[in-house]
């Protein structure tokens, strides 16, 4: 029950943070190699979050593949 409460509290705080961030005015402007990238700060944070989630997924997939021979050999024991 405590874990469920902590989970809902965490999700609520993240949602509140994103709602606060969406209400803040401002743009992120990046000038790099003669290119100009402009985006609202909210979408920059969303993109960063998706990038972090993809990196975590790829890392767990890679470690699972590396550990798979040991896992299979343990299953046959």
PDB file of N, CA and C in Angstrom:
ATOM      1  N   UNK A   1       0.825  -1.188   0.000  1.00  0.00           N
ATOM      2  CA  UNK A   1       0.000   0.000   0.000  1.00  0.00           C
ATOM      3  C   UNK A   1       0.874   1.259   0.000  1.00  0.00           C
ATOM      4  N   UNK A   2       1.960   1.203   0.761  1.00  0.00           N
ATOM      5  CA  UNK A   2       2.864   2.354   0.820  1.00  0.00           C
ATOM      6  C   UNK A   2       3.517   2.570  -0.542  1.00  0.00           C
ATOM      7  N   UNK A   3       3.917   1.485  -1.210  1.00  0.00           N
ATOM      8  CA  UNK A   3       4.533   1.609  -2.531  1.00  0.00           C
ATOM      9  C   UNK A   3       3.573   2.244  -3.529  1.00  0.00           C
ATOM     10  N   UNK A   4       2.325   1.867  -3.468  1.00  0.00           N
ATOM     11  CA  UNK A   4       1.324   2.436  -4.360  1.00  0.00           C
ATOM     12  C   UNK A   4       1.148   3.923  -4.088  1.00  0.00           C
ATOM     13  N   UNK A   5       1.138   4.303  -2.837  1.00  0.00           N
ATOM     14  CA  UNK A   5       1.019   5.714  -2.477  1.00  0.00           C
ATOM     15  C   UNK A   5       2.238   6.503  -2.969  1.00  0.00           C
ATOM     16  N   UNK A   6       3.425   5.937  -2.790  1.00  0.00           N
ATOM     17  CA  UNK A   6       4.642   6.599  -3.266  1.00  0.00           C
ATOM     18  C   UNK A   6       4.622   6.716  -4.786  1.00  0.00           C
ATOM     19  N   UNK A   7       4.155   5.680  -5.474  1.00  0.00           N
ATOM     20  CA  UNK A   7       4.061   5.714  -6.932  1.00  0.00           C
ATOM     21  C   UNK A   7       3.132   6.829  -7.394  1.00  0.00           C
ATOM     22  N   UNK A   8       1.935   6.919  -6.816  1.00  0.00           N
ATOM     23  CA  UNK A   8       0.986   7.956  -7.210  1.00  0.00           C
ATOM     24  C   UNK A   8       1.500   9.346  -6.861  1.00  0.00           C
ATOM     25  N   UNK A   9       2.183   9.475  -5.741  1.00  0.00           N
ATOM     26  CA  UNK A   9       2.759  10.760  -5.367  1.00  0.00           C
ATOM     27  C   UNK A   9       3.843  11.178  -6.362  1.00  0.00           C
ATOM     28  N   UNK A  10       4.677  10.222  -6.766  1.00  0.00           N
ATOM     29  CA  UNK A  10       5.730  10.517  -7.738  1.00  0.00           C
ATOM     30  C   UNK A  10       5.139  10.911  -9.087  1.00  0.00           C
ATOM     31  N   UNK A  11       4.167  10.166  -9.566  1.00  0.00           N
ATOM     32  CA  UNK A  11       3.521  10.490 -10.847  1.00  0.00           C
ATOM     33  C   UNK A  11       2.833  11.854 -10.768  1.00  0.00           C
ATOM     34  N   UNK A  12       2.198  12.141  -9.653  1.00  0.00           N
ATOM     35  CA  UNK A  12       1.550  13.443  -9.481  1.00  0.00           C
ATOM     36  C   UNK A  12       2.547  14.587  -9.484  1.00  0.00           C
ATOM     37  N   UNK A  13       3.691  14.402  -8.827  1.00  0.00           N
ATOM     38  CA  UNK A  13       4.715  15.442  -8.815  1.00  0.00           C
ATOM     39  C   UNK A  13       5.325  15.651 -10.198  1.00  0.00           C
ATOM     40  N   UNK A  14       5.530  14.569 -10.929  1.00  0.00           N
ATOM     41  CA  UNK A  14       6.053  14.701 -12.296  1.00  0.00           C
ATOM     42  C   UNK A  14       5.035  15.428 -13.178  1.00  0.00           C
ATOM     43  N   UNK A  15       3.763  15.079 -13.055  1.00  0.00           N
ATOM     44  CA  UNK A  15       2.726  15.744 -13.843  1.00  0.00           C
ATOM     45  C   UNK A  15       2.639  17.220 -13.473  1.00  0.00           C
ATOM     46  N   UNK A  16       2.735  17.525 -12.198  1.00  0.00           N
ATOM     47  CA  UNK A  16       2.716  18.927 -11.770  1.00  0.00           C
ATOM     48  C   UNK A  16       3.926  19.678 -12.329  1.00  0.00           C
ATOM     49  N   UNK A  17       5.068  19.047 -12.327  1.00  0.00           N
ATOM     50  CA  UNK A  17       6.269  19.675 -12.872  1.00  0.00           C
ATOM     51  C   UNK A  17       6.141  19.955 -14.355  1.00  0.00           C
ATOM     52  N   UNK A  18       5.602  19.007 -15.109  1.00  0.00           N
ATOM     53  CA  UNK A  18       5.412  19.230 -16.539  1.00  0.00           C
ATOM     54  C   UNK A  18       4.344  20.298 -16.801  1.00  0.00           C
ATOM     55  N   UNK A  19       3.300  20.343 -15.994  1.00  0.00           N
ATOM     56  CA  UNK A  19       2.283  21.386 -16.164  1.00  0.00           C
ATOM     57  C   UNK A  19       2.876  22.759 -15.865  1.00  0.00           C
ATOM     58  N   UNK A  20       3.694  22.850 -14.822  1.00  0.00           N
ATOM     59  CA  UNK A  20       4.347  24.124 -14.499  1.00  0.00           C
ATOM     60  C   UNK A  20       5.285  24.534 -15.630  1.00  0.00           C
ATOM     61  N   UNK A  21       6.027  23.568 -16.151  1.00  0.00           N
ATOM     62  CA  UNK A  21       6.973  23.846 -17.227  1.00  0.00           C
ATOM     63  C   UNK A  21       6.255  24.296 -18.500  1.00  0.00           C
ATOM     64  N   UNK A  22       5.096  23.705 -18.778  1.00  0.00           N
ATOM     65  CA  UNK A  22       4.332  24.085 -19.974  1.00  0.00           C
ATOM     66  C   UNK A  22       3.801  25.512 -19.861  1.00  0.00           C
ATOM     67  N   UNK A  23       3.573  25.993 -18.649  1.00  0.00           N
ATOM     68  CA  UNK A  23       3.057  27.343 -18.454  1.00  0.00           C
ATOM     69  C   UNK A  23       4.145  28.415 -18.528  1.00  0.00           C
ATOM     70  N   UNK A  24       5.402  28.021 -18.474  1.00  0.00           N
ATOM     71  CA  UNK A  24       6.497  28.991 -18.493  1.00  0.00           C
ATOM     72  C   UNK A  24       6.805  29.408 -19.930  1.00  0.00           C
ATOM     73  N   UNK A  25       6.878  30.701 -20.167  1.00  0.00           N
ATOM     74  CA  UNK A  25       7.224  31.149 -21.516  1.00  0.00           C
ATOM     75  C   UNK A  25       8.723  31.011 -21.753  1.00  0.00           C
ATOM     76  N   UNK A  26       9.080  30.876 -22.986  1.00  0.00           N
ATOM     77  CA  UNK A  26      10.489  30.845 -23.324  1.00  0.00           C
ATOM     78  C   UNK A  26      10.786  29.818 -24.393  1.00  0.00           C
ATOM     79  N   UNK A  27      11.880  30.042 -25.077  1.00  0.00           N
ATOM     80  CA  UNK A  27      12.321  29.151 -26.137  1.00  0.00           C
ATOM     81  C   UNK A  27      13.763  28.757 -25.886  1.00  0.00           C
ATOM     82  N   UNK A  28      14.111  27.620 -26.403  1.00  0.00           N
ATOM     83  CA  UNK A  28      15.493  27.168 -26.401  1.00  0.00           C
ATOM     84  C   UNK A  28      16.020  27.382 -27.805  1.00  0.00           C
ATOM     85  N   UNK A  29      17.100  28.134 -27.929  1.00  0.00           N
ATOM     86  CA  UNK A  29      17.690  28.433 -29.227  1.00  0.00           C
ATOM     87  C   UNK A  29      19.114  27.901 -29.227  1.00  0.00           C
ATOM     88  N   UNK A  30      19.416  27.048 -30.206  1.00  0.00           N
ATOM     89  CA  UNK A  30      20.745  26.472 -30.331  1.00  0.00           C
ATOM     90  C   UNK A  30      21.307  26.875 -31.682  1.00  0.00           C
ATOM     91  N   UNK A  31      22.460  27.513 -31.676  1.00  0.00           N
ATOM     92  CA  UNK A  31      23.191  27.832 -32.896  1.00  0.00           C
ATOM     93  C   UNK A  31      24.387  26.888 -32.950  1.00  0.00           C
ATOM     94  N   UNK A  32      24.405  26.024 -33.969  1.00  0.00           N
ATOM     95  CA  UNK A  32      25.474  25.029 -34.053  1.00  0.00           C
ATOM     96  C   UNK A  32      25.761  24.729 -35.527  1.00  0.00           C
ATOM     97  N   UNK A  33      26.986  24.902 -35.933  1.00  0.00           N
ATOM     98  CA  UNK A  33      27.446  24.651 -37.298  1.00  0.00           C
ATOM     99  C   UNK A  33      26.540  25.323 -38.331  1.00  0.00           C
ATOM    100  N   UNK A  34      26.371  26.596 -38.157  1.00  0.00           N
ATOM    101  CA  UNK A  34      25.576  27.424 -39.064  1.00  0.00           C
ATOM    102  C   UNK A  34      24.114  26.982 -39.175  1.00  0.00           C
ATOM    103  N   UNK A  35      23.624  26.322 -38.166  1.00  0.00           N
ATOM    104  CA  UNK A  35      22.209  25.961 -38.110  1.00  0.00           C
ATOM    105  C   UNK A  35      21.609  26.572 -36.860  1.00  0.00           C
ATOM    106  N   UNK A  36      20.349  26.911 -36.961  1.00  0.00           N
ATOM    107  CA  UNK A  36      19.641  27.489 -35.820  1.00  0.00           C
ATOM    108  C   UNK A  36      18.443  26.608 -35.505  1.00  0.00           C
ATOM    109  N   UNK A  37      18.419  26.099 -34.299  1.00  0.00           N
ATOM    110  CA  UNK A  37      17.331  25.234 -33.844  1.00  0.00           C
ATOM    111  C   UNK A  37      16.566  25.995 -32.765  1.00  0.00           C
ATOM    112  N   UNK A  38      15.277  26.173 -32.976  1.00  0.00           N
ATOM    113  CA  UNK A  38      14.418  26.861 -32.011  1.00  0.00           C
ATOM    114  C   UNK A  38      13.283  25.930 -31.619  1.00  0.00           C
ATOM    115  N   UNK A  39      13.035  25.858 -30.326  1.00  0.00           N
ATOM    116  CA  UNK A  39      11.913  25.056 -29.831  1.00  0.00           C
ATOM    117  C   UNK A  39      11.480  25.579 -28.468  1.00  0.00           C
ATOM    118  N   UNK A  40      10.210  25.387 -28.125  1.00  0.00           N
ATOM    119  CA  UNK A  40       9.766  25.762 -26.772  1.00  0.00           C
ATOM    120  C   UNK A  40      10.496  24.900 -25.732  1.00  0.00           C
ATOM    121  N   UNK A  41      10.720  25.475 -24.589  1.00  0.00           N
ATOM    122  CA  UNK A  41      11.474  24.791 -23.547  1.00  0.00           C
ATOM    123  C   UNK A  41      10.769  23.509 -23.090  1.00  0.00           C
ATOM    124  N   UNK A  42       9.445  23.499 -23.136  1.00  0.00           N
ATOM    125  CA  UNK A  42       8.697  22.300 -22.746  1.00  0.00           C
ATOM    126  C   UNK A  42       9.058  21.125 -23.646  1.00  0.00           C
ATOM    127  N   UNK A  43       9.081  21.346 -24.960  1.00  0.00           N
ATOM    128  CA  UNK A  43       9.380  20.259 -25.884  1.00  0.00           C
ATOM    129  C   UNK A  43      10.839  19.832 -25.798  1.00  0.00           C
ATOM    130  N   UNK A  44      11.701  20.751 -25.394  1.00  0.00           N
ATOM    131  CA  UNK A  44      13.101  20.384 -25.183  1.00  0.00           C
ATOM    132  C   UNK A  44      13.212  19.400 -24.014  1.00  0.00           C
ATOM    133  N   UNK A  45      12.473  19.650 -22.925  1.00  0.00           N
ATOM    134  CA  UNK A  45      12.491  18.730 -21.784  1.00  0.00           C
ATOM    135  C   UNK A  45      11.823  17.402 -22.122  1.00  0.00           C
ATOM    136  N   UNK A  46      10.747  17.436 -22.907  1.00  0.00           N
ATOM    137  CA  UNK A  46      10.106  16.190 -23.323  1.00  0.00           C
ATOM    138  C   UNK A  46      11.065  15.355 -24.176  1.00  0.00           C
ATOM    139  N   UNK A  47      11.742  16.002 -25.108  1.00  0.00           N
ATOM    140  CA  UNK A  47      12.725  15.304 -25.940  1.00  0.00           C
ATOM    141  C   UNK A  47      13.868  14.735 -25.116  1.00  0.00           C
ATOM    142  N   UNK A  48      14.328  15.501 -24.127  1.00  0.00           N
ATOM    143  CA  UNK A  48      15.389  15.017 -23.252  1.00  0.00           C
ATOM    144  C   UNK A  48      14.929  13.807 -22.453  1.00  0.00           C
ATOM    145  N   UNK A  49      13.694  13.844 -21.974  1.00  0.00           N
ATOM    146  CA  UNK A  49      13.148  12.705 -21.229  1.00  0.00           C
ATOM    147  C   UNK A  49      13.029  11.459 -22.097  1.00  0.00           C
ATOM    148  N   UNK A  50      12.590  11.641 -23.343  1.00  0.00           N
ATOM    149  CA  UNK A  50      12.501  10.507 -24.260  1.00  0.00           C
ATOM    150  C   UNK A  50      13.878   9.947 -24.593  1.00  0.00           C
ATOM    151  N   UNK A  51      14.855  10.830 -24.723  1.00  0.00           N
ATOM    152  CA  UNK A  51      16.221  10.388 -24.981  1.00  0.00           C
ATOM    153  C   UNK A  51      16.771   9.579 -23.807  1.00  0.00           C
ATOM    154  N   UNK A  52      16.528  10.037 -22.602  1.00  0.00           N
ATOM    155  CA  UNK A  52      16.982   9.306 -21.415  1.00  0.00           C
ATOM    156  C   UNK A  52      16.275   7.959 -21.315  1.00  0.00           C
ATOM    157  N   UNK A  53      14.971   7.922 -21.591  1.00  0.00           N
ATOM    158  CA  UNK A  53      14.231   6.660 -21.544  1.00  0.00           C
ATOM    159  C   UNK A  53      14.757   5.672 -22.590  1.00  0.00           C
ATOM    160  N   UNK A  54      15.077   6.160 -23.782  1.00  0.00           N
ATOM    161  CA  UNK A  54      15.630   5.291 -24.829  1.00  0.00           C
ATOM    162  C   UNK A  54      17.002   4.764 -24.436  1.00  0.00           C
ATOM    163  N   UNK A  55      17.814   5.606 -23.815  1.00  0.00           N
ATOM    164  CA  UNK A  55      19.144   5.167 -23.371  1.00  0.00           C
ATOM    165  C   UNK A  55      19.035   4.105 -22.277  1.00  0.00           C
ATOM    166  N   UNK A  56      18.100   4.284 -21.342  1.00  0.00           N
ATOM    167  CA  UNK A  56      17.897   3.288 -20.289  1.00  0.00           C
ATOM    168  C   UNK A  56      17.432   1.973 -20.898  1.00  0.00           C
ATOM    169  N   UNK A  57      16.515   2.040 -21.864  1.00  0.00           N
ATOM    170  CA  UNK A  57      16.030   0.824 -22.516  1.00  0.00           C
ATOM    171  C   UNK A  57      17.153   0.110 -23.256  1.00  0.00           C
ATOM    172  N   UNK A  58      17.958   0.851 -24.009  1.00  0.00           N
ATOM    173  CA  UNK A  58      19.064   0.230 -24.739  1.00  0.00           C
ATOM    174  C   UNK A  58      20.109  -0.348 -23.794  1.00  0.00           C
ATOM    175  N   UNK A  59      20.376   0.326 -22.684  1.00  0.00           N
ATOM    176  CA  UNK A  59      21.342  -0.186 -21.709  1.00  0.00           C
ATOM    177  C   UNK A  59      20.837  -1.492 -21.094  1.00  0.00           C
ATOM    178  N   UNK A  60      19.568  -1.553 -20.731  1.00  0.00           N
ATOM    179  CA  UNK A  60      19.033  -2.783 -20.149  1.00  0.00           C
ATOM    180  C   UNK A  60      18.996  -3.906 -21.178  1.00  0.00           C
ATOM    181  N   UNK A  61      18.724  -3.581 -22.431  1.00  0.00           N
ATOM    182  CA  UNK A  61      18.750  -4.584 -23.485  1.00  0.00           C
ATOM    183  C   UNK A  61      20.166  -5.120 -23.691  1.00  0.00           C
ATOM    184  N   UNK A  62      21.143  -4.235 -23.696  1.00  0.00           N
ATOM    185  CA  UNK A  62      22.535  -4.640 -23.875  1.00  0.00           C
ATOM    186  C   UNK A  62      23.021  -5.503 -22.709  1.00  0.00           C
ATOM    187  N   UNK A  63      22.711  -5.106 -21.489  1.00  0.00           N
ATOM    188  CA  UNK A  63      23.137  -5.913 -20.340  1.00  0.00           C
ATOM    189  C   UNK A  63      22.417  -7.256 -20.322  1.00  0.00           C
ATOM    190  N   UNK A  64      21.173  -7.288 -20.761  1.00  0.00           N
ATOM    191  CA  UNK A  64      20.455  -8.562 -20.848  1.00  0.00           C
ATOM    192  C   UNK A  64      21.089  -9.500 -21.858  1.00  0.00           C
ATOM    193  N   UNK A  65      21.531  -8.952 -22.985  1.00  0.00           N
ATOM    194  CA  UNK A  65      22.199  -9.772 -23.987  1.00  0.00           C
ATOM    195  C   UNK A  65      23.556 -10.270 -23.497  1.00  0.00           C
ATOM    196  N   UNK A  66      24.269  -9.433 -22.779  1.00  0.00           N
ATOM    197  CA  UNK A  66      25.571  -9.837 -22.270  1.00  0.00           C
ATOM    198  C   UNK A  66      25.425 -10.911 -21.198  1.00  0.00           C
ATOM    199  N   UNK A  67      24.404 -10.815 -20.370  1.00  0.00           N
ATOM    200  CA  UNK A  67      24.202 -11.774 -19.283  1.00  0.00           C
ATOM    201  C   UNK A  67      23.430 -13.019 -19.708  1.00  0.00           C
ATOM    202  N   UNK A  68      22.938 -13.062 -20.936  1.00  0.00           N
ATOM    203  CA  UNK A  68      22.099 -14.193 -21.357  1.00  0.00           C
ATOM    204  C   UNK A  68      22.809 -15.545 -21.333  1.00  0.00           C
ATOM    205  N   UNK A  69      24.096 -15.658 -21.704  1.00  0.00           N
ATOM    206  CA  UNK A  69      24.726 -16.986 -21.606  1.00  0.00           C
ATOM    207  C   UNK A  69      24.760 -17.509 -20.173  1.00  0.00           C
ATOM    208  N   UNK A  70      25.033 -16.662 -19.222  1.00  0.00           N
ATOM    209  CA  UNK A  70      25.054 -17.101 -17.813  1.00  0.00           C
ATOM    210  C   UNK A  70      23.654 -17.470 -17.344  1.00  0.00           C
ATOM    211  N   UNK A  71      22.667 -16.722 -17.790  1.00  0.00           N
ATOM    212  CA  UNK A  71      21.281 -17.000 -17.403  1.00  0.00           C
ATOM    213  C   UNK A  71      20.821 -18.344 -17.979  1.00  0.00           C
ATOM    214  N   UNK A  72      21.179 -18.598 -19.228  1.00  0.00           N
ATOM    215  CA  UNK A  72      20.802 -19.866 -19.849  1.00  0.00           C
ATOM    216  C   UNK A  72      21.507 -21.037 -19.192  1.00  0.00           C
ATOM    217  N   UNK A  73      22.797 -20.879 -18.881  1.00  0.00           N
ATOM    218  CA  UNK A  73      23.529 -21.970 -18.225  1.00  0.00           C
ATOM    219  C   UNK A  73      23.000 -22.227 -16.816  1.00  0.00           C
ATOM    220  N   UNK A  74      22.583 -21.183 -16.134  1.00  0.00           N
ATOM    221  CA  UNK A  74      21.964 -21.383 -14.807  1.00  0.00           C
ATOM    222  C   UNK A  74      20.631 -22.086 -14.923  1.00  0.00           C
ATOM    223  N   UNK A  75      19.890 -21.867 -15.990  1.00  0.00           N
ATOM    224  CA  UNK A  75      18.608 -22.528 -16.170  1.00  0.00           C
ATOM    225  C   UNK A  75      18.768 -24.013 -16.434  1.00  0.00           C
ATOM    226  N   UNK A  76      19.882 -24.419 -17.060  1.00  0.00           N
ATOM    227  CA  UNK A  76      20.104 -25.827 -17.336  1.00  0.00           C
ATOM    228  C   UNK A  76      20.662 -26.580 -16.152  1.00  0.00           C
ATOM    229  N   UNK A  77      21.123 -25.901 -15.117  1.00  0.00           N
ATOM    230  CA  UNK A  77      21.692 -26.570 -13.928  1.00  0.00           C
ATOM    231  C   UNK A  77      20.640 -27.176 -13.054  1.00  0.00           C
TER     232      UNK A  77
END
